[in-house]
C-alpha cells in the first residue's frame, strides 16, 4: 500500500522549502521548468525560465528523469507528449488556461468540419485534443514566420486566439478563418488606463503581447512574445516601460534590464494585480515542494492522443529550425 500523500498542513512551518526543493531536484534527477508568468520565487528556483517555444524545446531535449513543470496544464501536456513514459509533474492540476477553455475540442471539430480544405494552425495555448486536430502548432514567437511558409493559395483556420490571429492577418495580409477565443488576462487591459499611464510617463516604452486586443496594440512601441518583450527591455537598460502582459514577467525584465522601471498596465477597474493569471498563480512554492515529495500530481495522456498531438508540434519545431 502506498503511503498517504502529504498535504500543505503536513509541511513543517520551519522547513526551508527552497533548500528542500533543491535537494529533491538532485535526488530525483529532475528538471524544473517555469514560465515567465510564475511567481518570482518559483522562477528563481527553476533550471530554465522561458516562453512556450523555449519550454517546448527544453521539454523535448531534457535528459532528466523527471520533469517538474511550473506553468499551466497545456504546457505540461507538451512535455508529456515529447517524453512518453517519463514522469511530468505539475504542482496543481487545476492550473488551466482561459484561452484553452475558450476552445472546447468537440466544438472545434464541428467548426473545422464547416471549413473543409483548410489547414489548421493552432496556437500552442490549447488542449492536446485540439492539437490533435491541428496541422501545425505555433507560438507567439514563431507564428508569423511559420505562417509565411504556408503557400498563399492554402486557406487557413487559426485557433484559438482571435487577437493573435487578427494581429497576424494585419501583419501578413493572410485572410484566415479565426476561432473566436481569447485570453482573459490580455483582453481585460484598459485602454483608458493605458492612456493615463502614457500621459503620466510620456517617455515610457509601451510593450505588448499580441494576445492583446487591436486597440491596445495600436499604442505599442513593440509587440512580441514574452521572450521578445524581455529581450526588448534588455536592449534599453535604465529606461521606463509600460507592460501589457501578465505582470509575472516583470521579474525577468528587472534582471535583464538593470535600472529600468516597469509599470503593469491596469485592468478596466484600474487594478494592476487583477491582471495576474489566476491559473498560473495556482502554483506555489508549497505545491512545488509537495509535488516533488509525492511525485504527484502527474500529467498523463492517452498514448493515441499524445501521438496525434505530437505531429503538429514536431512540424512546428521543424519549420522553426528552417527559420533559425
C-alpha atoms as a PDB file:
ATOM      1  CA  UNK A   1       0.000   0.000   0.000  1.00  0.00           C
ATOM      2  CA  UNK A   2       1.312   3.429  -0.953  1.00  0.00           C
ATOM      3  CA  UNK A   3       1.794   5.907   1.907  1.00  0.00           C
ATOM      4  CA  UNK A   4      -0.748   8.758   2.061  1.00  0.00           C
ATOM      5  CA  UNK A   5       0.171  11.881   0.123  1.00  0.00           C
ATOM      6  CA  UNK A   6       1.439  14.818   2.127  1.00  0.00           C
ATOM      7  CA  UNK A   7      -0.650  17.998   2.120  1.00  0.00           C
ATOM      8  CA  UNK A   8       0.156  21.605   2.925  1.00  0.00           C
ATOM      9  CA  UNK A   9      -0.938  21.114   6.531  1.00  0.00           C
ATOM     10  CA  UNK A  10       1.808  18.474   6.858  1.00  0.00           C
ATOM     11  CA  UNK A  11       4.583  20.918   5.971  1.00  0.00           C
ATOM     12  CA  UNK A  12       6.696  21.943   8.954  1.00  0.00           C
ATOM     13  CA  UNK A  13       6.457  25.776   9.100  1.00  0.00           C
ATOM     14  CA  UNK A  14      10.178  25.906   9.870  1.00  0.00           C
ATOM     15  CA  UNK A  15      11.101  23.864   6.789  1.00  0.00           C
ATOM     16  CA  UNK A  16      13.376  25.643   4.295  1.00  0.00           C
ATOM     17  CA  UNK A  17      11.283  24.962   1.212  1.00  0.00           C
ATOM     18  CA  UNK A  18      13.829  26.297  -1.255  1.00  0.00           C
ATOM     19  CA  UNK A  19      16.598  24.119   0.161  1.00  0.00           C
ATOM     20  CA  UNK A  20      14.312  21.063   0.172  1.00  0.00           C
ATOM     21  CA  UNK A  21      13.248  21.629  -3.424  1.00  0.00           C
ATOM     22  CA  UNK A  22      16.884  21.893  -4.461  1.00  0.00           C
ATOM     23  CA  UNK A  23      17.683  18.689  -2.567  1.00  0.00           C
ATOM     24  CA  UNK A  24      14.780  16.831  -4.158  1.00  0.00           C
ATOM     25  CA  UNK A  25      15.787  18.043  -7.599  1.00  0.00           C
ATOM     26  CA  UNK A  26      19.188  16.374  -7.215  1.00  0.00           C
ATOM     27  CA  UNK A  27      17.759  13.259  -5.559  1.00  0.00           C
ATOM     28  CA  UNK A  28      15.174  12.777  -8.336  1.00  0.00           C
ATOM     29  CA  UNK A  29      17.412  13.933 -11.198  1.00  0.00           C
ATOM     30  CA  UNK A  30      14.612  16.350 -12.011  1.00  0.00           C
ATOM     31  CA  UNK A  31      14.491  19.457 -14.158  1.00  0.00           C
ATOM     32  CA  UNK A  32      12.251  22.347 -13.096  1.00  0.00           C
ATOM     33  CA  UNK A  33      10.802  24.343 -15.984  1.00  0.00           C
ATOM     34  CA  UNK A  34       8.943  27.583 -15.306  1.00  0.00           C
ATOM     35  CA  UNK A  35       7.030  30.060 -17.430  1.00  0.00           C
ATOM     36  CA  UNK A  36       7.648  33.805 -17.183  1.00  0.00           C
ATOM     37  CA  UNK A  37       4.239  34.242 -15.537  1.00  0.00           C
ATOM     38  CA  UNK A  38       5.094  32.184 -12.453  1.00  0.00           C
ATOM     39  CA  UNK A  39       5.727  33.846  -9.090  1.00  0.00           C
ATOM     40  CA  UNK A  40       9.263  35.182  -8.725  1.00  0.00           C
ATOM     41  CA  UNK A  41      10.375  32.632  -6.092  1.00  0.00           C
ATOM     42  CA  UNK A  42       9.466  29.784  -8.434  1.00  0.00           C
ATOM     43  CA  UNK A  43      11.255  31.447 -11.351  1.00  0.00           C
ATOM     44  CA  UNK A  44      14.385  31.787  -9.218  1.00  0.00           C
ATOM     45  CA  UNK A  45      14.351  28.071  -8.364  1.00  0.00           C
ATOM     46  CA  UNK A  46      13.791  26.877 -11.920  1.00  0.00           C
ATOM     47  CA  UNK A  47      16.513  25.363 -14.079  1.00  0.00           C
ATOM     48  CA  UNK A  48      15.033  27.227 -17.022  1.00  0.00           C
ATOM     49  CA  UNK A  49      12.540  30.092 -17.349  1.00  0.00           C
ATOM     50  CA  UNK A  50      11.073  30.829 -20.752  1.00  0.00           C
ATOM     51  CA  UNK A  51       8.134  31.238 -23.080  1.00  0.00           C
ATOM     52  CA  UNK A  52       6.079  28.463 -24.659  1.00  0.00           C
ATOM     53  CA  UNK A  53       8.501  27.845 -27.540  1.00  0.00           C
ATOM     54  CA  UNK A  54      11.568  27.812 -25.293  1.00  0.00           C
ATOM     55  CA  UNK A  55       9.879  25.486 -22.826  1.00  0.00           C
ATOM     56  CA  UNK A  56       8.715  23.150 -25.602  1.00  0.00           C
ATOM     57  CA  UNK A  57      12.287  22.802 -26.822  1.00  0.00           C
ATOM     58  CA  UNK A  58      13.646  22.273 -23.310  1.00  0.00           C
ATOM     59  CA  UNK A  59      10.993  19.665 -22.576  1.00  0.00           C
ATOM     60  CA  UNK A  60      11.944  17.762 -25.710  1.00  0.00           C
ATOM     61  CA  UNK A  61      15.702  17.984 -25.167  1.00  0.00           C
ATOM     62  CA  UNK A  62      15.950  17.228 -21.446  1.00  0.00           C
ATOM     63  CA  UNK A  63      17.748  14.110 -20.230  1.00  0.00           C
ATOM     64  CA  UNK A  64      16.363  14.477 -16.704  1.00  0.00           C
ATOM     65  CA  UNK A  65      14.475  11.532 -15.235  1.00  0.00           C
ATOM     66  CA  UNK A  66      11.601  13.721 -14.032  1.00  0.00           C
ATOM     67  CA  UNK A  67      10.137  16.949 -15.436  1.00  0.00           C
ATOM     68  CA  UNK A  68       8.540  19.364 -12.980  1.00  0.00           C
ATOM     69  CA  UNK A  69       6.538  21.903 -14.953  1.00  0.00           C
ATOM     70  CA  UNK A  70       5.664  25.161 -13.232  1.00  0.00           C
ATOM     71  CA  UNK A  71       3.177  26.583 -15.681  1.00  0.00           C
ATOM     72  CA  UNK A  72      -0.274  25.540 -16.816  1.00  0.00           C
ATOM     73  CA  UNK A  73      -1.736  22.251 -17.946  1.00  0.00           C
ATOM     74  CA  UNK A  74      -1.281  22.630 -21.715  1.00  0.00           C
ATOM     75  CA  UNK A  75       2.435  23.283 -21.188  1.00  0.00           C
ATOM     76  CA  UNK A  76       2.820  20.152 -19.081  1.00  0.00           C
ATOM     77  CA  UNK A  77       0.899  18.248 -21.760  1.00  0.00           C
ATOM     78  CA  UNK A  78       3.515  19.279 -24.324  1.00  0.00           C
ATOM     79  CA  UNK A  79       6.272  17.952 -22.040  1.00  0.00           C
ATOM     80  CA  UNK A  80       4.350  14.689 -21.677  1.00  0.00           C
ATOM     81  CA  UNK A  81       3.869  14.410 -25.441  1.00  0.00           C
ATOM     82  CA  UNK A  82       7.596  14.801 -26.046  1.00  0.00           C
ATOM     83  CA  UNK A  83       8.577  12.445 -23.215  1.00  0.00           C
ATOM     84  CA  UNK A  84       6.354   9.348 -23.323  1.00  0.00           C
ATOM     85  CA  UNK A  85       6.715   7.292 -20.173  1.00  0.00           C
ATOM     86  CA  UNK A  86       8.683   9.964 -18.308  1.00  0.00           C
ATOM     87  CA  UNK A  87       7.017  11.486 -15.212  1.00  0.00           C
ATOM     88  CA  UNK A  88       5.825  15.053 -15.787  1.00  0.00           C
ATOM     89  CA  UNK A  89       4.692  16.674 -12.552  1.00  0.00           C
ATOM     90  CA  UNK A  90       2.500  19.770 -12.308  1.00  0.00           C
ATOM     91  CA  UNK A  91       2.194  21.423  -8.882  1.00  0.00           C
ATOM     92  CA  UNK A  92      -1.547  21.976  -9.364  1.00  0.00           C
ATOM     93  CA  UNK A  93      -3.626  20.111 -11.967  1.00  0.00           C
ATOM     94  CA  UNK A  94      -6.236  22.863 -11.775  1.00  0.00           C
ATOM     95  CA  UNK A  95      -3.767  25.251 -13.421  1.00  0.00           C
ATOM     96  CA  UNK A  96      -5.610  25.568 -16.710  1.00  0.00           C
ATOM     97  CA  UNK A  97      -5.864  28.389 -19.237  1.00  0.00           C
ATOM     98  CA  UNK A  98      -8.773  30.671 -20.149  1.00  0.00           C
ATOM     99  CA  UNK A  99      -7.671  30.607 -23.793  1.00  0.00           C
ATOM    100  CA  UNK A 100      -7.628  26.812 -23.828  1.00  0.00           C
ATOM    101  CA  UNK A 101     -11.065  26.798 -22.171  1.00  0.00           C
ATOM    102  CA  UNK A 102     -12.414  29.058 -24.929  1.00  0.00           C
ATOM    103  CA  UNK A 103     -11.874  26.272 -27.494  1.00  0.00           C
ATOM    104  CA  UNK A 104     -13.683  23.062 -26.477  1.00  0.00           C
ATOM    105  CA  UNK A 105     -12.428  20.169 -28.651  1.00  0.00           C
ATOM    106  CA  UNK A 106     -15.897  18.975 -29.709  1.00  0.00           C
ATOM    107  CA  UNK A 107     -16.970  22.461 -30.794  1.00  0.00           C
ATOM    108  CA  UNK A 108     -13.701  22.967 -32.600  1.00  0.00           C
ATOM    109  CA  UNK A 109     -14.178  19.707 -34.515  1.00  0.00           C
ATOM    110  CA  UNK A 110     -17.577  20.939 -35.713  1.00  0.00           C
ATOM    111  CA  UNK A 111     -16.076  24.312 -36.673  1.00  0.00           C
ATOM    112  CA  UNK A 112     -13.285  22.585 -38.589  1.00  0.00           C
ATOM    113  CA  UNK A 113     -15.822  20.428 -40.462  1.00  0.00           C
ATOM    114  CA  UNK A 114     -17.505  23.583 -41.770  1.00  0.00           C
ATOM    115  CA  UNK A 115     -14.247  24.631 -43.457  1.00  0.00           C
ATOM    116  CA  UNK A 116     -13.033  21.630 -45.500  1.00  0.00           C
ATOM    117  CA  UNK A 117      -9.699  22.022 -47.222  1.00  0.00           C
ATOM    118  CA  UNK A 118      -8.393  24.457 -44.614  1.00  0.00           C
ATOM    119  CA  UNK A 119      -5.038  23.908 -42.954  1.00  0.00           C
ATOM    120  CA  UNK A 120      -5.421  24.175 -39.182  1.00  0.00           C
ATOM    121  CA  UNK A 121      -2.799  26.352 -37.496  1.00  0.00           C
ATOM    122  CA  UNK A 122      -3.305  26.335 -33.740  1.00  0.00           C
ATOM    123  CA  UNK A 123      -1.674  28.441 -31.086  1.00  0.00           C
ATOM    124  CA  UNK A 124       0.103  26.286 -28.506  1.00  0.00           C
ATOM    125  CA  UNK A 125      -2.275  27.618 -25.824  1.00  0.00           C
ATOM    126  CA  UNK A 126      -4.805  24.879 -26.493  1.00  0.00           C
ATOM    127  CA  UNK A 127      -5.593  21.380 -25.261  1.00  0.00           C
ATOM    128  CA  UNK A 128      -3.925  18.215 -26.513  1.00  0.00           C
ATOM    129  CA  UNK A 129      -7.290  17.320 -28.084  1.00  0.00           C
ATOM    130  CA  UNK A 130      -7.255  20.499 -30.194  1.00  0.00           C
ATOM    131  CA  UNK A 131      -3.590  19.978 -31.055  1.00  0.00           C
ATOM    132  CA  UNK A 132      -4.504  16.516 -32.319  1.00  0.00           C
ATOM    133  CA  UNK A 133      -6.966  18.151 -34.733  1.00  0.00           C
ATOM    134  CA  UNK A 134      -4.344  20.611 -35.991  1.00  0.00           C
ATOM    135  CA  UNK A 135      -1.810  20.562 -38.819  1.00  0.00           C
ATOM    136  CA  UNK A 136       0.723  22.977 -37.330  1.00  0.00           C
ATOM    137  CA  UNK A 137       1.171  24.361 -33.816  1.00  0.00           C
ATOM    138  CA  UNK A 138       2.631  27.853 -33.397  1.00  0.00           C
ATOM    139  CA  UNK A 139       3.681  30.121 -30.558  1.00  0.00           C
ATOM    140  CA  UNK A 140       3.613  33.900 -30.459  1.00  0.00           C
ATOM    141  CA  UNK A 141       7.362  33.760 -31.083  1.00  0.00           C
ATOM    142  CA  UNK A 142       7.237  31.845 -34.359  1.00  0.00           C
ATOM    143  CA  UNK A 143       3.657  32.263 -35.634  1.00  0.00           C
ATOM    144  CA  UNK A 144       4.417  34.925 -38.244  1.00  0.00           C
ATOM    145  CA  UNK A 145       7.498  33.144 -39.607  1.00  0.00           C
ATOM    146  CA  UNK A 146       5.670  29.824 -39.875  1.00  0.00           C
ATOM    147  CA  UNK A 147       2.609  31.423 -41.441  1.00  0.00           C
ATOM    148  CA  UNK A 148       4.795  32.944 -44.155  1.00  0.00           C
ATOM    149  CA  UNK A 149       5.989  29.429 -45.068  1.00  0.00           C
ATOM    150  CA  UNK A 150       2.432  28.383 -45.996  1.00  0.00           C
ATOM    151  CA  UNK A 151       1.517  28.901 -49.681  1.00  0.00           C
ATOM    152  CA  UNK A 152      -0.778  31.879 -50.290  1.00  0.00           C
ATOM    153  CA  UNK A 153      -3.270  29.607 -52.022  1.00  0.00           C
ATOM    154  CA  UNK A 154      -3.761  27.452 -48.910  1.00  0.00           C
ATOM    155  CA  UNK A 155      -6.814  28.502 -46.850  1.00  0.00           C
ATOM    156  CA  UNK A 156      -6.140  28.525 -43.118  1.00  0.00           C
ATOM    157  CA  UNK A 157      -8.058  28.183 -39.871  1.00  0.00           C
ATOM    158  CA  UNK A 158      -6.278  29.914 -36.990  1.00  0.00           C
ATOM    159  CA  UNK A 159      -7.252  28.958 -33.438  1.00  0.00           C
ATOM    160  CA  UNK A 160      -7.915  29.633 -30.668  1.00  0.00           C
ATOM    161  CA  UNK A 161      -6.870  33.276 -30.077  1.00  0.00           C
ATOM    162  CA  UNK A 162      -8.743  35.764 -32.242  1.00  0.00           C
ATOM    163  CA  UNK A 163      -6.493  38.644 -31.210  1.00  0.00           C
ATOM    164  CA  UNK A 164      -3.247  36.903 -32.132  1.00  0.00           C
ATOM    165  CA  UNK A 165      -4.939  35.700 -35.317  1.00  0.00           C
ATOM    166  CA  UNK A 166      -6.092  39.227 -36.138  1.00  0.00           C
ATOM    167  CA  UNK A 167      -2.610  40.592 -35.496  1.00  0.00           C
ATOM    168  CA  UNK A 168      -1.147  38.003 -37.892  1.00  0.00           C
ATOM    169  CA  UNK A 169      -3.767  38.837 -40.534  1.00  0.00           C
ATOM    170  CA  UNK A 170      -2.853  42.517 -40.375  1.00  0.00           C
ATOM    171  CA  UNK A 171       0.883  41.781 -40.368  1.00  0.00           C
ATOM    172  CA  UNK A 172       0.910  39.284 -43.246  1.00  0.00           C
ATOM    173  CA  UNK A 173      -2.201  40.110 -45.241  1.00  0.00           C
ATOM    174  CA  UNK A 174      -3.416  36.497 -44.985  1.00  0.00           C
ATOM    175  CA  UNK A 175      -7.193  36.049 -44.919  1.00  0.00           C
ATOM    176  CA  UNK A 176      -7.536  33.385 -42.234  1.00  0.00           C
ATOM    177  CA  UNK A 177     -10.679  31.996 -40.626  1.00  0.00           C
ATOM    178  CA  UNK A 178     -10.406  32.737 -36.905  1.00  0.00           C
ATOM    179  CA  UNK A 179     -11.766  30.795 -33.964  1.00  0.00           C
ATOM    180  CA  UNK A 180     -13.381  33.238 -31.521  1.00  0.00           C
ATOM    181  CA  UNK A 181     -11.219  32.628 -28.428  1.00  0.00           C
ATOM    182  CA  UNK A 182      -9.242  34.925 -26.149  1.00  0.00           C
ATOM    183  CA  UNK A 183      -7.068  35.147 -23.027  1.00  0.00           C
ATOM    184  CA  UNK A 184      -8.873  36.854 -20.169  1.00  0.00           C
ATOM    185  CA  UNK A 185      -5.649  38.429 -18.859  1.00  0.00           C
ATOM    186  CA  UNK A 186      -4.796  40.196 -22.111  1.00  0.00           C
ATOM    187  CA  UNK A 187      -8.387  41.010 -23.006  1.00  0.00           C
ATOM    188  CA  UNK A 188      -9.132  42.933 -19.829  1.00  0.00           C
ATOM    189  CA  UNK A 189      -6.397  45.576 -20.064  1.00  0.00           C
ATOM    190  CA  UNK A 190      -7.945  49.043 -20.048  1.00  0.00           C
ATOM    191  CA  UNK A 191      -7.198  51.347 -22.982  1.00  0.00           C
ATOM    192  CA  UNK A 192      -8.214  54.305 -20.830  1.00  0.00           C
ATOM    193  CA  UNK A 193      -5.885  53.203 -18.039  1.00  0.00           C
ATOM    194  CA  UNK A 194      -3.097  52.711 -20.560  1.00  0.00           C
ATOM    195  CA  UNK A 195      -3.629  56.226 -21.941  1.00  0.00           C
ATOM    196  CA  UNK A 196      -3.429  57.643 -18.435  1.00  0.00           C
ATOM    197  CA  UNK A 197      -0.143  55.843 -17.797  1.00  0.00           C
ATOM    198  CA  UNK A 198       1.235  57.051 -21.126  1.00  0.00           C
ATOM    199  CA  UNK A 199       0.328  60.622 -20.163  1.00  0.00           C
ATOM    200  CA  UNK A 200       1.940  60.192 -16.766  1.00  0.00           C
ATOM    201  CA  UNK A 201       5.098  58.657 -18.259  1.00  0.00           C
ATOM    202  CA  UNK A 202       5.426  60.143 -21.759  1.00  0.00           C
ATOM    203  CA  UNK A 203       8.924  58.747 -22.306  1.00  0.00           C
ATOM    204  CA  UNK A 204       7.947  55.185 -21.453  1.00  0.00           C
ATOM    205  CA  UNK A 205       8.142  52.373 -23.994  1.00  0.00           C
ATOM    206  CA  UNK A 206       4.803  50.600 -24.383  1.00  0.00           C
ATOM    207  CA  UNK A 207       5.407  46.887 -24.953  1.00  0.00           C
ATOM    208  CA  UNK A 208       2.597  44.416 -25.585  1.00  0.00           C
ATOM    209  CA  UNK A 209       1.870  40.759 -26.197  1.00  0.00           C
ATOM    210  CA  UNK A 210      -0.086  40.103 -29.421  1.00  0.00           C
ATOM    211  CA  UNK A 211      -2.851  38.385 -27.421  1.00  0.00           C
ATOM    212  CA  UNK A 212      -3.999  41.938 -26.566  1.00  0.00           C
ATOM    213  CA  UNK A 213      -6.940  43.485 -28.476  1.00  0.00           C
ATOM    214  CA  UNK A 214      -6.114  45.571 -31.557  1.00  0.00           C
ATOM    215  CA  UNK A 215      -6.988  48.891 -29.862  1.00  0.00           C
ATOM    216  CA  UNK A 216      -4.301  48.288 -27.242  1.00  0.00           C
ATOM    217  CA  UNK A 217      -1.715  47.064 -29.741  1.00  0.00           C
ATOM    218  CA  UNK A 218      -2.188  50.331 -31.604  1.00  0.00           C
ATOM    219  CA  UNK A 219      -0.435  52.133 -28.724  1.00  0.00           C
ATOM    220  CA  UNK A 220       2.531  49.748 -28.535  1.00  0.00           C
ATOM    221  CA  UNK A 221       6.110  50.616 -29.467  1.00  0.00           C
ATOM    222  CA  UNK A 222       6.978  46.920 -29.516  1.00  0.00           C
ATOM    223  CA  UNK A 223       4.724  43.880 -29.955  1.00  0.00           C
ATOM    224  CA  UNK A 224       6.078  40.411 -29.328  1.00  0.00           C
ATOM    225  CA  UNK A 225       6.096  37.139 -27.439  1.00  0.00           C
ATOM    226  CA  UNK A 226       7.065  37.045 -23.789  1.00  0.00           C
ATOM    227  CA  UNK A 227      10.708  36.310 -24.634  1.00  0.00           C
ATOM    228  CA  UNK A 228      10.670  39.081 -27.239  1.00  0.00           C
ATOM    229  CA  UNK A 229       9.394  41.549 -24.644  1.00  0.00           C
ATOM    230  CA  UNK A 230      12.134  40.571 -22.186  1.00  0.00           C
ATOM    231  CA  UNK A 231      14.777  40.888 -24.906  1.00  0.00           C
ATOM    232  CA  UNK A 232      13.461  44.312 -25.898  1.00  0.00           C
ATOM    233  CA  UNK A 233      13.825  45.621 -22.352  1.00  0.00           C
ATOM    234  CA  UNK A 234      17.366  44.211 -22.210  1.00  0.00           C
ATOM    235  CA  UNK A 235      18.293  46.418 -25.159  1.00  0.00           C
ATOM    236  CA  UNK A 236      17.085  49.534 -23.320  1.00  0.00           C
ATOM    237  CA  UNK A 237      18.539  49.421 -19.781  1.00  0.00           C
ATOM    238  CA  UNK A 238      17.710  52.275 -17.436  1.00  0.00           C
ATOM    239  CA  UNK A 239      14.506  53.220 -19.245  1.00  0.00           C
ATOM    240  CA  UNK A 240      10.799  53.127 -18.429  1.00  0.00           C
ATOM    241  CA  UNK A 241       8.328  50.528 -19.708  1.00  0.00           C
ATOM    242  CA  UNK A 242       4.575  50.056 -19.619  1.00  0.00           C
ATOM    243  CA  UNK A 243       3.961  46.314 -19.876  1.00  0.00           C
ATOM    244  CA  UNK A 244       0.849  44.794 -21.456  1.00  0.00           C
ATOM    245  CA  UNK A 245       1.113  41.154 -20.489  1.00  0.00           C
ATOM    246  CA  UNK A 246       0.891  39.123 -17.279  1.00  0.00           C
ATOM    247  CA  UNK A 247       2.946  41.009 -14.656  1.00  0.00           C
ATOM    248  CA  UNK A 248       4.901  37.944 -13.521  1.00  0.00           C
ATOM    249  CA  UNK A 249       7.215  38.634 -16.453  1.00  0.00           C
ATOM    250  CA  UNK A 250       8.445  41.864 -14.849  1.00  0.00           C
ATOM    251  CA  UNK A 251      10.691  39.804 -12.522  1.00  0.00           C
ATOM    252  CA  UNK A 252      12.770  38.652 -15.508  1.00  0.00           C
ATOM    253  CA  UNK A 253      12.649  42.110 -17.084  1.00  0.00           C
ATOM    254  CA  UNK A 254      14.164  43.638 -13.960  1.00  0.00           C
ATOM    255  CA  UNK A 255      17.017  41.135 -14.234  1.00  0.00           C
ATOM    256  CA  UNK A 256      17.518  41.704 -17.949  1.00  0.00           C
ATOM    257  CA  UNK A 257      17.290  45.500 -17.916  1.00  0.00           C
ATOM    258  CA  UNK A 258      19.220  46.971 -14.960  1.00  0.00           C
ATOM    259  CA  UNK A 259      17.993  50.315 -13.679  1.00  0.00           C
ATOM    260  CA  UNK A 260      14.775  50.202 -15.688  1.00  0.00           C
ATOM    261  CA  UNK A 261      11.341  50.997 -14.281  1.00  0.00           C
ATOM    262  CA  UNK A 262       8.300  48.901 -15.114  1.00  0.00           C
ATOM    263  CA  UNK A 263       4.595  49.613 -14.852  1.00  0.00           C
ATOM    264  CA  UNK A 264       1.988  46.944 -15.447  1.00  0.00           C
ATOM    265  CA  UNK A 265      -0.965  48.185 -17.463  1.00  0.00           C
ATOM    266  CA  UNK A 266      -4.188  48.309 -15.414  1.00  0.00           C
ATOM    267  CA  UNK A 267      -7.431  46.480 -15.982  1.00  0.00           C
ATOM    268  CA  UNK A 268     -10.791  48.117 -16.577  1.00  0.00           C
ATOM    269  CA  UNK A 269     -11.196  48.950 -12.895  1.00  0.00           C
ATOM    270  CA  UNK A 270      -7.672  50.364 -12.593  1.00  0.00           C
ATOM    271  CA  UNK A 271      -6.433  47.291 -10.711  1.00  0.00           C
ATOM    272  CA  UNK A 272      -2.977  46.120 -11.844  1.00  0.00           C
ATOM    273  CA  UNK A 273      -2.893  42.995  -9.685  1.00  0.00           C
ATOM    274  CA  UNK A 274      -6.224  41.934 -11.234  1.00  0.00           C
ATOM    275  CA  UNK A 275      -4.246  41.179 -14.401  1.00  0.00           C
ATOM    276  CA  UNK A 276      -2.424  38.310 -12.706  1.00  0.00           C
ATOM    277  CA  UNK A 277      -3.245  34.994 -14.364  1.00  0.00           C
ATOM    278  CA  UNK A 278      -5.169  33.170 -11.646  1.00  0.00           C
ATOM    279  CA  UNK A 279      -4.271  29.822 -13.239  1.00  0.00           C
ATOM    280  CA  UNK A 280      -0.521  30.495 -13.250  1.00  0.00           C
ATOM    281  CA  UNK A 281      -0.692  31.678  -9.660  1.00  0.00           C
ATOM    282  CA  UNK A 282      -2.194  28.356  -8.518  1.00  0.00           C
ATOM    283  CA  UNK A 283       1.361  27.028  -8.488  1.00  0.00           C
ATOM    284  CA  UNK A 284       3.061  27.949  -5.228  1.00  0.00           C
ATOM    285  CA  UNK A 285       6.335  27.085  -3.530  1.00  0.00           C
ATOM    286  CA  UNK A 286       4.458  24.766  -1.164  1.00  0.00           C
ATOM    287  CA  UNK A 287       2.745  22.927  -4.028  1.00  0.00           C
ATOM    288  CA  UNK A 288       6.034  22.675  -5.923  1.00  0.00           C
ATOM    289  CA  UNK A 289       7.630  21.030  -2.884  1.00  0.00           C
ATOM    290  CA  UNK A 290       4.673  18.677  -2.359  1.00  0.00           C
ATOM    291  CA  UNK A 291       4.512  17.544  -5.979  1.00  0.00           C
ATOM    292  CA  UNK A 292       8.180  16.566  -5.773  1.00  0.00           C
ATOM    293  CA  UNK A 293       7.803  14.781  -2.427  1.00  0.00           C
ATOM    294  CA  UNK A 294       4.617  12.987  -3.510  1.00  0.00           C
ATOM    295  CA  UNK A 295       5.686  12.558  -7.146  1.00  0.00           C
ATOM    296  CA  UNK A 296       2.152  13.709  -7.805  1.00  0.00           C
ATOM    297  CA  UNK A 297       0.101  15.115  -9.446  1.00  0.00           C
ATOM    298  CA  UNK A 298       1.456  13.572 -12.631  1.00  0.00           C
ATOM    299  CA  UNK A 299       0.186  14.714 -16.015  1.00  0.00           C
ATOM    300  CA  UNK A 300      -0.751  11.736 -18.200  1.00  0.00           C
ATOM    301  CA  UNK A 301      -2.330  11.452 -21.649  1.00  0.00           C
ATOM    302  CA  UNK A 302      -3.699   8.520 -23.635  1.00  0.00           C
ATOM    303  CA  UNK A 303      -0.977   7.246 -25.969  1.00  0.00           C
ATOM    304  CA  UNK A 304      -3.015   7.646 -29.161  1.00  0.00           C
ATOM    305  CA  UNK A 305      -3.936  11.230 -28.280  1.00  0.00           C
ATOM    306  CA  UNK A 306      -0.321  12.064 -27.441  1.00  0.00           C
ATOM    307  CA  UNK A 307       0.875  10.659 -30.781  1.00  0.00           C
ATOM    308  CA  UNK A 308      -1.686  12.654 -32.758  1.00  0.00           C
ATOM    309  CA  UNK A 309      -0.817  15.846 -30.887  1.00  0.00           C
ATOM    310  CA  UNK A 310       2.897  15.225 -31.331  1.00  0.00           C
ATOM    311  CA  UNK A 311       2.798  15.504 -35.138  1.00  0.00           C
ATOM    312  CA  UNK A 312       1.833  19.212 -35.389  1.00  0.00           C
ATOM    313  CA  UNK A 313       4.249  20.027 -32.561  1.00  0.00           C
ATOM    314  CA  UNK A 314       7.101  18.316 -34.416  1.00  0.00           C
ATOM    315  CA  UNK A 315       6.088  20.205 -37.538  1.00  0.00           C
ATOM    316  CA  UNK A 316       6.344  23.459 -35.577  1.00  0.00           C
ATOM    317  CA  UNK A 317       9.866  22.664 -34.415  1.00  0.00           C
ATOM    318  CA  UNK A 318      10.950  21.529 -37.883  1.00  0.00           C
ATOM    319  CA  UNK A 319       9.601  24.702 -39.522  1.00  0.00           C
ATOM    320  CA  UNK A 320      11.120  26.856 -36.770  1.00  0.00           C
ATOM    321  CA  UNK A 321      14.513  25.262 -37.453  1.00  0.00           C
ATOM    322  CA  UNK A 322      14.239  26.386 -41.088  1.00  0.00           C
ATOM    323  CA  UNK A 323      13.639  29.967 -39.920  1.00  0.00           C
ATOM    324  CA  UNK A 324      16.533  29.825 -37.451  1.00  0.00           C
END
